[in-house]
Amino acid sequence: MSNISSIQGLGGLRPQGMQDKAKAAGVQDTSFKDTLGDMLGGVNDAMVEAGKGASRLASGEVTDIHQVMVAAEKAAVGLEMVVEIRNKLLESYQTIMRTQI
């Protein structure tokens, strides 16, 4: 039952009693747009950091290749996640557009 109630709480569709409990627990309502924007900003930051690390490694400033590889892998995983989210959103849109009324 807890899974069902958490799904119902998505997107501001929470019943009033659940909204009061969420506010008391310190849970903030954020829009999908804000959440997606924050996630994209984080992925962008990871990619910029990986690029800087690669530049520092190439110039000899950084001798620990492990840190550079970890930063590059974080950026790659983040980019894969963004692509998969885009694919799911596009697939959902196409499904909705094919729905006959």
Protein backbone atom coordinates (compact mmCIF):
# COMPACT_ATOMS: atom_id res chain seq x y z
CA MET A 1 0.00 0.00 0.00
CA SER A 2 2.85 2.42 0.67
CA ASN A 3 3.94 2.17 -2.98
CA ILE A 4 0.47 3.08 -4.17
CA SER A 5 0.21 6.07 -1.86
CA SER A 6 3.64 7.32 -2.94
CA ILE A 7 2.61 7.08 -6.60
CA GLN A 8 -0.58 9.00 -5.86
CA GLY A 9 1.52 11.74 -4.30
CA LEU A 10 3.33 12.55 -7.54
CA GLY A 11 2.83 15.76 -9.45
CA GLY A 12 0.81 17.62 -6.87
CA LEU A 13 -2.01 15.06 -7.08
CA ARG A 14 -1.76 14.41 -3.38
CA PRO A 15 -5.03 14.50 -1.41
CA GLN A 16 -5.25 17.31 1.14
CA GLY A 17 -4.47 15.06 4.13
CA MET A 18 -1.36 13.77 2.44
CA GLN A 19 -0.30 17.32 1.55
CA ASP A 20 -0.50 18.31 5.20
CA LYS A 21 1.58 15.28 6.24
CA ALA A 22 4.13 16.01 3.52
CA LYS A 23 4.47 19.64 4.62
CA ALA A 24 4.84 18.53 8.24
CA ALA A 25 7.59 16.10 7.18
CA GLY A 26 9.38 18.86 5.26
CA VAL A 27 8.66 17.43 1.79
CA GLN A 28 8.47 20.12 -0.86
CA ASP A 29 6.26 20.00 -3.93
CA THR A 30 8.43 20.55 -6.96
CA SER A 31 7.29 20.48 -10.52
CA PHE A 32 8.53 17.95 -13.03
CA LYS A 33 10.08 20.83 -14.96
CA ASP A 34 12.11 21.94 -11.93
CA THR A 35 13.21 18.39 -11.14
CA LEU A 36 14.24 17.74 -14.73
CA GLY A 37 16.06 21.08 -14.92
CA ASP A 38 17.99 20.34 -11.72
CA MET A 39 18.93 16.90 -13.00
CA LEU A 40 20.09 18.29 -16.36
CA GLY A 41 22.13 20.93 -14.56
CA GLY A 42 23.81 18.25 -12.44
CA VAL A 43 24.63 16.16 -15.51
CA ASN A 44 26.02 19.25 -17.26
CA ASP A 45 28.18 20.05 -14.24
CA ALA A 46 29.50 16.46 -14.20
CA MET A 47 30.36 16.67 -17.90
CA VAL A 48 32.15 20.00 -17.47
CA GLU A 49 34.10 18.62 -14.50
CA ALA A 50 35.07 15.52 -16.50
CA GLY A 51 36.30 17.74 -19.34
CA LYS A 52 38.35 19.85 -16.97
CA GLY A 53 39.82 16.71 -15.41
CA ALA A 54 40.78 15.34 -18.82
CA SER A 55 42.43 18.65 -19.71
CA ARG A 56 44.35 18.70 -16.44
CA LEU A 57 45.45 15.10 -17.00
CA ALA A 58 46.64 15.89 -20.53
CA SER A 59 48.60 18.92 -19.33
CA GLY A 60 50.21 16.94 -16.51
CA GLU A 61 48.60 18.86 -13.64
CA VAL A 62 46.84 15.73 -12.37
CA THR A 63 48.74 12.51 -11.87
CA ASP A 64 45.88 10.44 -10.41
CA ILE A 65 44.11 9.00 -13.42
CA HIS A 66 41.61 7.27 -11.13
CA GLN A 67 39.87 10.54 -10.20
CA VAL A 68 39.66 11.58 -13.84
CA MET A 69 38.19 8.23 -14.86
CA VAL A 70 35.61 8.32 -12.06
CA ALA A 71 34.53 11.83 -13.11
CA ALA A 72 34.31 10.74 -16.76
CA GLU A 73 32.25 7.68 -15.86
CA LYS A 74 29.86 9.75 -13.72
CA ALA A 75 29.34 12.06 -16.69
CA ALA A 76 28.79 9.12 -19.04
CA VAL A 77 26.24 7.48 -16.75
CA GLY A 78 24.44 10.80 -16.31
CA LEU A 79 24.29 11.32 -20.07
CA GLU A 80 22.93 7.79 -20.58
CA MET A 81 20.24 8.51 -18.00
CA VAL A 82 19.25 11.75 -19.75
CA VAL A 83 19.02 9.96 -23.10
CA GLU A 84 16.84 7.21 -21.61
CA ILE A 85 14.53 9.76 -19.98
CA ARG A 86 14.23 11.57 -23.31
CA ASN A 87 13.43 8.27 -25.03
CA LYS A 88 10.73 7.42 -22.50
CA LEU A 89 9.18 10.88 -22.75
CA LEU A 90 9.16 10.70 -26.54
CA GLU A 91 7.66 7.21 -26.45
CA SER A 92 4.97 8.40 -24.03
CA TYR A 93 4.15 11.38 -26.24
CA GLN A 94 3.89 9.15 -29.31
CA THR A 95 1.60 6.75 -27.44
CA ILE A 96 -0.67 9.60 -26.41
CA MET A 97 -0.76 10.95 -29.96
CA ARG A 98 -1.74 7.51 -31.33
CA THR A 99 -4.58 7.18 -28.82
CA GLN A 100 -7.94 7.39 -30.55
CA ILE A 101 -10.68 9.39 -28.91
